[in-house]
Amino acid sequence: MGDRAAGTLEVTCVRRQARDVRSFRMRHDGGRGVPYEPGQVAQLRAGETLSYFALASAPEDEELEFLIKRTGGASGDAGEPFYNLKEGDRVELAQIVGRGFHVDSYAGHDLVFVAMGTGVAPVRSALRHAIARAGRFGRLVVLYGARTPEDFCYADETEEWQAAGVELRQVISRPDGYEWAGETGYVQSLLDHVLPTLSSPVAFLAGSREMIEHTRDRLREMGLDAEKILTNY
């Protein structure tokens, strides 16, 4: 899949999504489509910098989309070359890697997407793919955690998700100083309100390693089989 995907991407749209987070839509050179599974990861090169970003777009979308967080140029992170891209800039797509989320394998199941921070990128990819095929699945549930309300991405899309039948629950871990009437704590705490109401759930997790470990442990405690707890990479 990497060989078929390799090429040059042109930035077509840059949007602020959250504090220190921007989304970037990119078009493959020659207008060719890029084959990938929902939630897979792209290896991108800008100048001498090579980094990995989960795809936030669905495979059927016309353009690729990524969430990129300002990191201050820390070693091993995205760095300024990606965060400061502008419309018309070009980057190299080296390959597509990772498992992705094989949502099509779970027809008839309830799909529970659990994301923290910019981990919503691969979740959005899989969710957009699932919404387009909603009749094949049971309930679509998104549990999304962030530090503060300013750290939620794709706030302008949540109404569209809900209009499509998605059950969205959001939680913040640092409520001090913000007007917030929703849940507080960590995203895995939302499972207690949701999982018991589902008949045949499959969970898709994306976020920090710590968050994934805690969420996986909680899901196992609640009786979900390990093969139904999935990560994209």
C-alpha atoms as a PDB file:
ATOM      1  CA  MET A   1       0.000   0.000   0.000  1.00  0.00           C
ATOM      2  CA  GLY A   2       2.894   2.346   0.721  1.00  0.00           C
ATOM      3  CA  ASP A   3       4.244   2.150  -2.853  1.00  0.00           C
ATOM      4  CA  ARG A   4       0.872   3.029  -4.350  1.00  0.00           C
ATOM      5  CA  ALA A   5       0.381   5.941  -1.964  1.00  0.00           C
ATOM      6  CA  ALA A   6       3.791   7.586  -2.339  1.00  0.00           C
ATOM      7  CA  GLY A   7       3.873  10.956  -4.060  1.00  0.00           C
ATOM      8  CA  THR A   8       3.524  14.671  -3.419  1.00  0.00           C
ATOM      9  CA  LEU A   9       0.689  16.355  -1.517  1.00  0.00           C
ATOM     10  CA  GLU A  10      -0.399  19.967  -1.955  1.00  0.00           C
ATOM     11  CA  VAL A  11      -2.002  21.768   0.965  1.00  0.00           C
ATOM     12  CA  THR A  12      -5.438  23.038  -0.088  1.00  0.00           C
ATOM     13  CA  CYS A  13      -6.947  24.200   3.213  1.00  0.00           C
ATOM     14  CA  VAL A  14      -5.639  25.090   6.674  1.00  0.00           C
ATOM     15  CA  ARG A  15      -8.013  25.588   9.626  1.00  0.00           C
ATOM     16  CA  ARG A  16      -7.596  26.206  13.320  1.00  0.00           C
ATOM     17  CA  GLN A  17      -9.234  23.325  15.166  1.00  0.00           C
ATOM     18  CA  ALA A  18      -8.213  23.823  18.787  1.00  0.00           C
ATOM     19  CA  ARG A  19      -5.581  25.526  20.878  1.00  0.00           C
ATOM     20  CA  ASP A  20      -2.283  24.880  19.078  1.00  0.00           C
ATOM     21  CA  VAL A  21      -3.929  22.428  16.668  1.00  0.00           C
ATOM     22  CA  ARG A  22      -4.624  22.949  12.974  1.00  0.00           C
ATOM     23  CA  SER A  23      -6.212  20.728  10.352  1.00  0.00           C
ATOM     24  CA  PHE A  24      -4.654  20.432   6.923  1.00  0.00           C
ATOM     25  CA  ARG A  25      -6.430  19.166   3.825  1.00  0.00           C
ATOM     26  CA  MET A  26      -4.107  17.960   1.096  1.00  0.00           C
ATOM     27  CA  ARG A  27      -4.525  16.830  -2.494  1.00  0.00           C
ATOM     28  CA  HIS A  28      -2.411  14.087  -4.024  1.00  0.00           C
ATOM     29  CA  ASP A  29      -0.446  15.068  -7.110  1.00  0.00           C
ATOM     30  CA  GLY A  30      -2.203  14.292 -10.353  1.00  0.00           C
ATOM     31  CA  GLY A  31      -5.521  14.045  -8.498  1.00  0.00           C
ATOM     32  CA  ARG A  32      -4.950  10.346  -7.845  1.00  0.00           C
ATOM     33  CA  GLY A  33      -6.746   8.749  -4.946  1.00  0.00           C
ATOM     34  CA  VAL A  34      -4.702   7.292  -2.109  1.00  0.00           C
ATOM     35  CA  PRO A  35      -5.750   3.820  -0.906  1.00  0.00           C
ATOM     36  CA  TYR A  36      -5.887   3.411   2.867  1.00  0.00           C
ATOM     37  CA  GLU A  37      -7.937   1.972   5.695  1.00  0.00           C
ATOM     38  CA  PRO A  38      -9.787   4.354   8.034  1.00  0.00           C
ATOM     39  CA  GLY A  39      -7.449   5.676  10.700  1.00  0.00           C
ATOM     40  CA  GLN A  40      -4.185   4.573   9.141  1.00  0.00           C
ATOM     41  CA  VAL A  41      -1.066   6.715   9.503  1.00  0.00           C
ATOM     42  CA  ALA A  42       0.814   8.673   6.837  1.00  0.00           C
ATOM     43  CA  GLN A  43       4.546   9.211   6.848  1.00  0.00           C
ATOM     44  CA  LEU A  44       5.130  12.773   5.631  1.00  0.00           C
ATOM     45  CA  ARG A  45       8.302  14.661   4.816  1.00  0.00           C
ATOM     46  CA  ALA A  46       8.655  18.450   4.861  1.00  0.00           C
ATOM     47  CA  GLY A  47      12.188  19.486   4.022  1.00  0.00           C
ATOM     48  CA  GLU A  48      14.462  17.364   6.195  1.00  0.00           C
ATOM     49  CA  THR A  49      11.731  16.568   8.719  1.00  0.00           C
ATOM     50  CA  LEU A  50      10.001  13.186   8.570  1.00  0.00           C
ATOM     51  CA  SER A  51       6.970  12.582  10.826  1.00  0.00           C
ATOM     52  CA  TYR A  52       3.901  10.393  11.184  1.00  0.00           C
ATOM     53  CA  PHE A  53       0.306  11.678  11.290  1.00  0.00           C
ATOM     54  CA  ALA A  54      -2.924   9.718  11.516  1.00  0.00           C
ATOM     55  CA  LEU A  55      -5.365  10.330   8.695  1.00  0.00           C
ATOM     56  CA  ALA A  56      -8.429  12.261   9.827  1.00  0.00           C
ATOM     57  CA  SER A  57     -10.208  11.856   6.481  1.00  0.00           C
ATOM     58  CA  ALA A  58     -12.188   8.823   5.350  1.00  0.00           C
ATOM     59  CA  PRO A  59     -10.898   6.744   2.419  1.00  0.00           C
ATOM     60  CA  GLU A  60     -13.793   7.926   0.273  1.00  0.00           C
ATOM     61  CA  ASP A  61     -13.047  11.631   0.857  1.00  0.00           C
ATOM     62  CA  GLU A  62     -11.602  13.477  -2.122  1.00  0.00           C
ATOM     63  CA  GLU A  63      -8.676  14.878  -0.130  1.00  0.00           C
ATOM     64  CA  LEU A  64      -6.513  13.711   2.738  1.00  0.00           C
ATOM     65  CA  GLU A  65      -6.780  15.475   6.076  1.00  0.00           C
ATOM     66  CA  PHE A  66      -4.479  15.611   9.076  1.00  0.00           C
ATOM     67  CA  LEU A  67      -4.494  17.188  12.538  1.00  0.00           C
ATOM     68  CA  ILE A  68      -1.149  18.714  13.452  1.00  0.00           C
ATOM     69  CA  LYS A  69      -0.323  20.042  16.899  1.00  0.00           C
ATOM     70  CA  ARG A  70       2.243  22.756  17.623  1.00  0.00           C
ATOM     71  CA  THR A  71       5.091  21.081  19.460  1.00  0.00           C
ATOM     72  CA  GLY A  72       7.737  23.752  19.616  1.00  0.00           C
ATOM     73  CA  GLY A  73      10.042  21.623  17.535  1.00  0.00           C
ATOM     74  CA  ALA A  74      10.655  18.998  20.207  1.00  0.00           C
ATOM     75  CA  SER A  75      12.768  16.093  19.023  1.00  0.00           C
ATOM     76  CA  GLY A  76      10.702  13.302  17.495  1.00  0.00           C
ATOM     77  CA  ASP A  77       7.557  15.423  17.279  1.00  0.00           C
ATOM     78  CA  ALA A  78       5.845  17.107  14.338  1.00  0.00           C
ATOM     79  CA  GLY A  79       7.806  20.349  14.613  1.00  0.00           C
ATOM     80  CA  GLU A  80       7.258  23.684  13.010  1.00  0.00           C
ATOM     81  CA  PRO A  81       7.752  22.577   9.356  1.00  0.00           C
ATOM     82  CA  PHE A  82       4.360  20.852   9.419  1.00  0.00           C
ATOM     83  CA  TYR A  83       2.408  23.122  11.760  1.00  0.00           C
ATOM     84  CA  ASN A  84       3.374  26.183   9.706  1.00  0.00           C
ATOM     85  CA  LEU A  85       2.393  24.783   6.312  1.00  0.00           C
ATOM     86  CA  LYS A  86       0.260  27.130   4.212  1.00  0.00           C
ATOM     87  CA  GLU A  87      -2.127  26.636   1.312  1.00  0.00           C
ATOM     88  CA  GLY A  88      -0.129  25.830  -1.802  1.00  0.00           C
ATOM     89  CA  ASP A  89       2.793  24.308   0.102  1.00  0.00           C
ATOM     90  CA  ARG A  90       3.819  20.787  -0.810  1.00  0.00           C
ATOM     91  CA  VAL A  91       5.019  17.841   1.247  1.00  0.00           C
ATOM     92  CA  GLU A  92       6.112  14.342   0.361  1.00  0.00           C
ATOM     93  CA  LEU A  93       3.885  11.384   1.186  1.00  0.00           C
ATOM     94  CA  ALA A  94       6.359   8.576   1.765  1.00  0.00           C
ATOM     95  CA  GLN A  95       3.973   5.762   2.704  1.00  0.00           C
ATOM     96  CA  ILE A  96       0.821   4.738   4.564  1.00  0.00           C
ATOM     97  CA  VAL A  97       1.434   2.531   7.600  1.00  0.00           C
ATOM     98  CA  GLY A  98      -0.352   0.974  10.557  1.00  0.00           C
ATOM     99  CA  ARG A  99      -3.375  -1.288  10.877  1.00  0.00           C
ATOM    100  CA  GLY A 100      -6.043   1.369  10.763  1.00  0.00           C
ATOM    101  CA  PHE A 101      -9.565   0.623  11.937  1.00  0.00           C
ATOM    102  CA  HIS A 102     -11.239  -2.142   9.916  1.00  0.00           C
ATOM    103  CA  VAL A 103     -14.749  -0.988  10.747  1.00  0.00           C
ATOM    104  CA  ASP A 104     -16.264  -2.867   7.809  1.00  0.00           C
ATOM    105  CA  SER A 105     -15.394  -6.124   9.579  1.00  0.00           C
ATOM    106  CA  TYR A 106     -17.895  -5.361  12.347  1.00  0.00           C
ATOM    107  CA  ALA A 107     -21.239  -5.143  10.574  1.00  0.00           C
ATOM    108  CA  GLY A 108     -24.086  -5.583  13.024  1.00  0.00           C
ATOM    109  CA  HIS A 109     -22.011  -4.415  16.005  1.00  0.00           C
ATOM    110  CA  ASP A 110     -22.269  -1.257  18.068  1.00  0.00           C
ATOM    111  CA  LEU A 111     -19.166   0.847  17.373  1.00  0.00           C
ATOM    112  CA  VAL A 112     -17.650   2.748  20.300  1.00  0.00           C
ATOM    113  CA  PHE A 113     -14.943   5.262  19.366  1.00  0.00           C
ATOM    114  CA  VAL A 114     -12.818   6.484  22.290  1.00  0.00           C
ATOM    115  CA  ALA A 115     -10.439   9.388  21.676  1.00  0.00           C
ATOM    116  CA  MET A 116      -8.349  11.835  23.639  1.00  0.00           C
ATOM    117  CA  GLY A 117      -6.928  15.078  22.251  1.00  0.00           C
ATOM    118  CA  THR A 118      -5.669  14.848  18.690  1.00  0.00           C
ATOM    119  CA  GLY A 119      -6.398  11.117  18.864  1.00  0.00           C
ATOM    120  CA  VAL A 120      -9.732  12.198  17.430  1.00  0.00           C
ATOM    121  CA  ALA A 121      -8.039  12.257  13.998  1.00  0.00           C
ATOM    122  CA  PRO A 122      -8.131   8.484  13.316  1.00  0.00           C
ATOM    123  CA  VAL A 123     -11.488   8.280  15.098  1.00  0.00           C
ATOM    124  CA  ARG A 124     -12.900  10.911  12.737  1.00  0.00           C
ATOM    125  CA  SER A 125     -11.564   8.919   9.793  1.00  0.00           C
ATOM    126  CA  ALA A 126     -13.320   5.742  10.937  1.00  0.00           C
ATOM    127  CA  LEU A 127     -16.451   7.599  12.033  1.00  0.00           C
ATOM    128  CA  ARG A 128     -16.917   9.319   8.666  1.00  0.00           C
ATOM    129  CA  HIS A 129     -16.520   5.941   6.981  1.00  0.00           C
ATOM    130  CA  ALA A 130     -19.053   4.350   9.337  1.00  0.00           C
ATOM    131  CA  ILE A 131     -21.616   7.167   9.036  1.00  0.00           C
ATOM    132  CA  ALA A 132     -21.651   6.679   5.260  1.00  0.00           C
ATOM    133  CA  ARG A 133     -22.600   3.050   5.945  1.00  0.00           C
ATOM    134  CA  ALA A 134     -24.622   3.550   9.105  1.00  0.00           C
ATOM    135  CA  GLY A 135     -27.234   0.967   8.152  1.00  0.00           C
ATOM    136  CA  ARG A 136     -24.615  -1.766   8.429  1.00  0.00           C
ATOM    137  CA  PHE A 137     -23.897  -1.124  12.109  1.00  0.00           C
ATOM    138  CA  GLY A 138     -25.715  -0.832  15.389  1.00  0.00           C
ATOM    139  CA  ARG A 139     -25.206   2.284  17.499  1.00  0.00           C
ATOM    140  CA  LEU A 140     -22.361   4.689  16.788  1.00  0.00           C
ATOM    141  CA  VAL A 141     -20.919   6.166  19.984  1.00  0.00           C
ATOM    142  CA  VAL A 142     -18.073   8.678  20.340  1.00  0.00           C
ATOM    143  CA  LEU A 143     -16.420   9.278  23.723  1.00  0.00           C
ATOM    144  CA  TYR A 144     -14.047  12.231  23.416  1.00  0.00           C
ATOM    145  CA  GLY A 145     -11.816  13.602  26.150  1.00  0.00           C
ATOM    146  CA  ALA A 146      -9.645  16.719  26.281  1.00  0.00           C
ATOM    147  CA  ARG A 147      -7.875  18.783  28.899  1.00  0.00           C
ATOM    148  CA  THR A 148     -10.109  21.844  28.488  1.00  0.00           C
ATOM    149  CA  PRO A 149     -12.980  22.927  26.217  1.00  0.00           C
ATOM    150  CA  GLU A 150     -10.396  24.791  24.110  1.00  0.00           C
ATOM    151  CA  ASP A 151      -8.707  21.500  23.244  1.00  0.00           C
ATOM    152  CA  PHE A 152     -11.617  19.831  21.439  1.00  0.00           C
ATOM    153  CA  CYS A 153     -11.132  19.540  17.687  1.00  0.00           C
ATOM    154  CA  TYR A 154     -13.832  19.490  15.003  1.00  0.00           C
ATOM    155  CA  ALA A 155     -16.307  21.334  17.212  1.00  0.00           C
ATOM    156  CA  ASP A 156     -18.097  22.510  14.065  1.00  0.00           C
ATOM    157  CA  GLU A 157     -18.775  18.908  13.027  1.00  0.00           C
ATOM    158  CA  THR A 158     -20.268  17.523  16.216  1.00  0.00           C
ATOM    159  CA  GLU A 159     -23.787  18.650  15.311  1.00  0.00           C
ATOM    160  CA  GLU A 160     -23.441  16.876  11.968  1.00  0.00           C
ATOM    161  CA  TRP A 161     -22.357  13.711  13.756  1.00  0.00           C
ATOM    162  CA  GLN A 162     -25.320  13.877  16.091  1.00  0.00           C
ATOM    163  CA  ALA A 163     -27.725  14.601  13.232  1.00  0.00           C
ATOM    164  CA  ALA A 164     -26.421  11.417  11.614  1.00  0.00           C
ATOM    165  CA  GLY A 165     -27.351   9.479  14.755  1.00  0.00           C
ATOM    166  CA  VAL A 166     -23.979   9.469  16.503  1.00  0.00           C
ATOM    167  CA  GLU A 167     -24.117   9.514  20.307  1.00  0.00           C
ATOM    168  CA  LEU A 168     -21.428  11.957  21.428  1.00  0.00           C
ATOM    169  CA  ARG A 169     -20.168  12.321  24.991  1.00  0.00           C
ATOM    170  CA  GLN A 170     -17.368  14.727  25.857  1.00  0.00           C
ATOM    171  CA  VAL A 171     -15.323  15.078  29.024  1.00  0.00           C
ATOM    172  CA  ILE A 172     -12.584  17.456  30.191  1.00  0.00           C
ATOM    173  CA  SER A 173      -9.928  16.750  32.789  1.00  0.00           C
ATOM    174  CA  ARG A 174      -9.083  20.355  33.749  1.00  0.00           C
ATOM    175  CA  PRO A 175     -12.335  22.280  34.268  1.00  0.00           C
ATOM    176  CA  ASP A 176     -10.941  25.072  36.485  1.00  0.00           C
ATOM    177  CA  GLY A 177     -11.416  28.489  34.937  1.00  0.00           C
ATOM    178  CA  TYR A 178     -13.924  27.344  32.307  1.00  0.00           C
ATOM    179  CA  GLU A 179     -17.693  27.395  32.067  1.00  0.00           C
ATOM    180  CA  TRP A 180     -18.367  23.716  31.497  1.00  0.00           C
ATOM    181  CA  ALA A 181     -21.612  21.926  32.288  1.00  0.00           C
ATOM    182  CA  GLY A 182     -20.514  18.560  30.934  1.00  0.00           C
ATOM    183  CA  GLU A 183     -18.659  15.610  32.401  1.00  0.00           C
ATOM    184  CA  THR A 184     -15.280  16.038  34.080  1.00  0.00           C
ATOM    185  CA  GLY A 185     -12.534  13.481  34.546  1.00  0.00           C
ATOM    186  CA  TYR A 186     -10.946  11.112  32.071  1.00  0.00           C
ATOM    187  CA  VAL A 187     -12.472   9.689  28.938  1.00  0.00           C
ATOM    188  CA  GLN A 188     -12.465   6.084  30.151  1.00  0.00           C
ATOM    189  CA  SER A 189     -14.839   7.123  32.940  1.00  0.00           C
ATOM    190  CA  LEU A 190     -17.548   7.612  30.307  1.00  0.00           C
ATOM    191  CA  LEU A 191     -17.569   3.882  29.571  1.00  0.00           C
ATOM    192  CA  ASP A 192     -19.579   3.211  32.727  1.00  0.00           C
ATOM    193  CA  HIS A 193     -22.485   5.209  31.292  1.00  0.00           C
ATOM    194  CA  VAL A 194     -22.371   3.656  27.835  1.00  0.00           C
ATOM    195  CA  LEU A 195     -21.034   0.127  27.620  1.00  0.00           C
ATOM    196  CA  PRO A 196     -23.759  -1.565  29.721  1.00  0.00           C
ATOM    197  CA  THR A 197     -26.416  -0.204  27.331  1.00  0.00           C
ATOM    198  CA  LEU A 198     -24.862  -1.799  24.229  1.00  0.00           C
ATOM    199  CA  SER A 199     -25.685  -5.291  23.030  1.00  0.00           C
ATOM    200  CA  SER A 200     -22.653  -6.068  20.852  1.00  0.00           C
ATOM    201  CA  PRO A 201     -19.933  -3.422  21.241  1.00  0.00           C
ATOM    202  CA  VAL A 202     -16.561  -3.103  19.553  1.00  0.00           C
ATOM    203  CA  ALA A 203     -14.216  -0.386  20.841  1.00  0.00           C
ATOM    204  CA  PHE A 204     -11.784   1.665  18.747  1.00  0.00           C
ATOM    205  CA  LEU A 205      -9.180   3.550  20.829  1.00  0.00           C
ATOM    206  CA  ALA A 206      -6.918   6.475  19.871  1.00  0.00           C
ATOM    207  CA  GLY A 207      -4.890   8.753  22.095  1.00  0.00           C
ATOM    208  CA  SER A 208      -1.864   8.642  24.353  1.00  0.00           C
ATOM    209  CA  ARG A 209      -0.355   5.298  25.288  1.00  0.00           C
ATOM    210  CA  GLU A 210      -1.395   5.830  28.902  1.00  0.00           C
ATOM    211  CA  MET A 211      -4.992   6.606  27.936  1.00  0.00           C
ATOM    212  CA  ILE A 212      -5.161   3.535  25.704  1.00  0.00           C
ATOM    213  CA  GLU A 213      -3.804   1.276  28.444  1.00  0.00           C
ATOM    214  CA  HIS A 214      -6.262   2.597  31.048  1.00  0.00           C
ATOM    215  CA  THR A 215      -9.185   2.371  28.645  1.00  0.00           C
ATOM    216  CA  ARG A 216      -8.260  -1.142  27.548  1.00  0.00           C
ATOM    217  CA  ASP A 217      -8.022  -2.237  31.199  1.00  0.00           C
ATOM    218  CA  ARG A 218     -11.416  -0.730  31.999  1.00  0.00           C
ATOM    219  CA  LEU A 219     -13.050  -2.368  28.986  1.00  0.00           C
ATOM    220  CA  ARG A 220     -11.663  -5.756  30.003  1.00  0.00           C
ATOM    221  CA  GLU A 221     -12.931  -5.239  33.540  1.00  0.00           C
ATOM    222  CA  MET A 222     -16.353  -4.563  32.057  1.00  0.00           C
ATOM    223  CA  GLY A 223     -16.254  -7.844  30.175  1.00  0.00           C
ATOM    224  CA  LEU A 224     -15.286  -6.823  26.645  1.00  0.00           C
ATOM    225  CA  ASP A 225     -13.164  -9.434  24.893  1.00  0.00           C
ATOM    226  CA  ALA A 226      -9.621  -8.387  23.956  1.00  0.00           C
ATOM    227  CA  GLU A 227     -10.223  -8.997  20.237  1.00  0.00           C
ATOM    228  CA  LYS A 228     -12.964  -6.358  20.305  1.00  0.00           C
ATOM    229  CA  ILE A 229     -10.652  -3.652  21.695  1.00  0.00           C
ATOM    230  CA  LEU A 230      -8.805  -2.147  18.721  1.00  0.00           C
ATOM    231  CA  THR A 231      -6.142   0.458  18.069  1.00  0.00           C
ATOM    232  CA  ASN A 232      -5.149   1.916  14.725  1.00  0.00           C
ATOM    233  CA  TYR A 233      -1.397   1.376  15.028  1.00  0.00           C
END
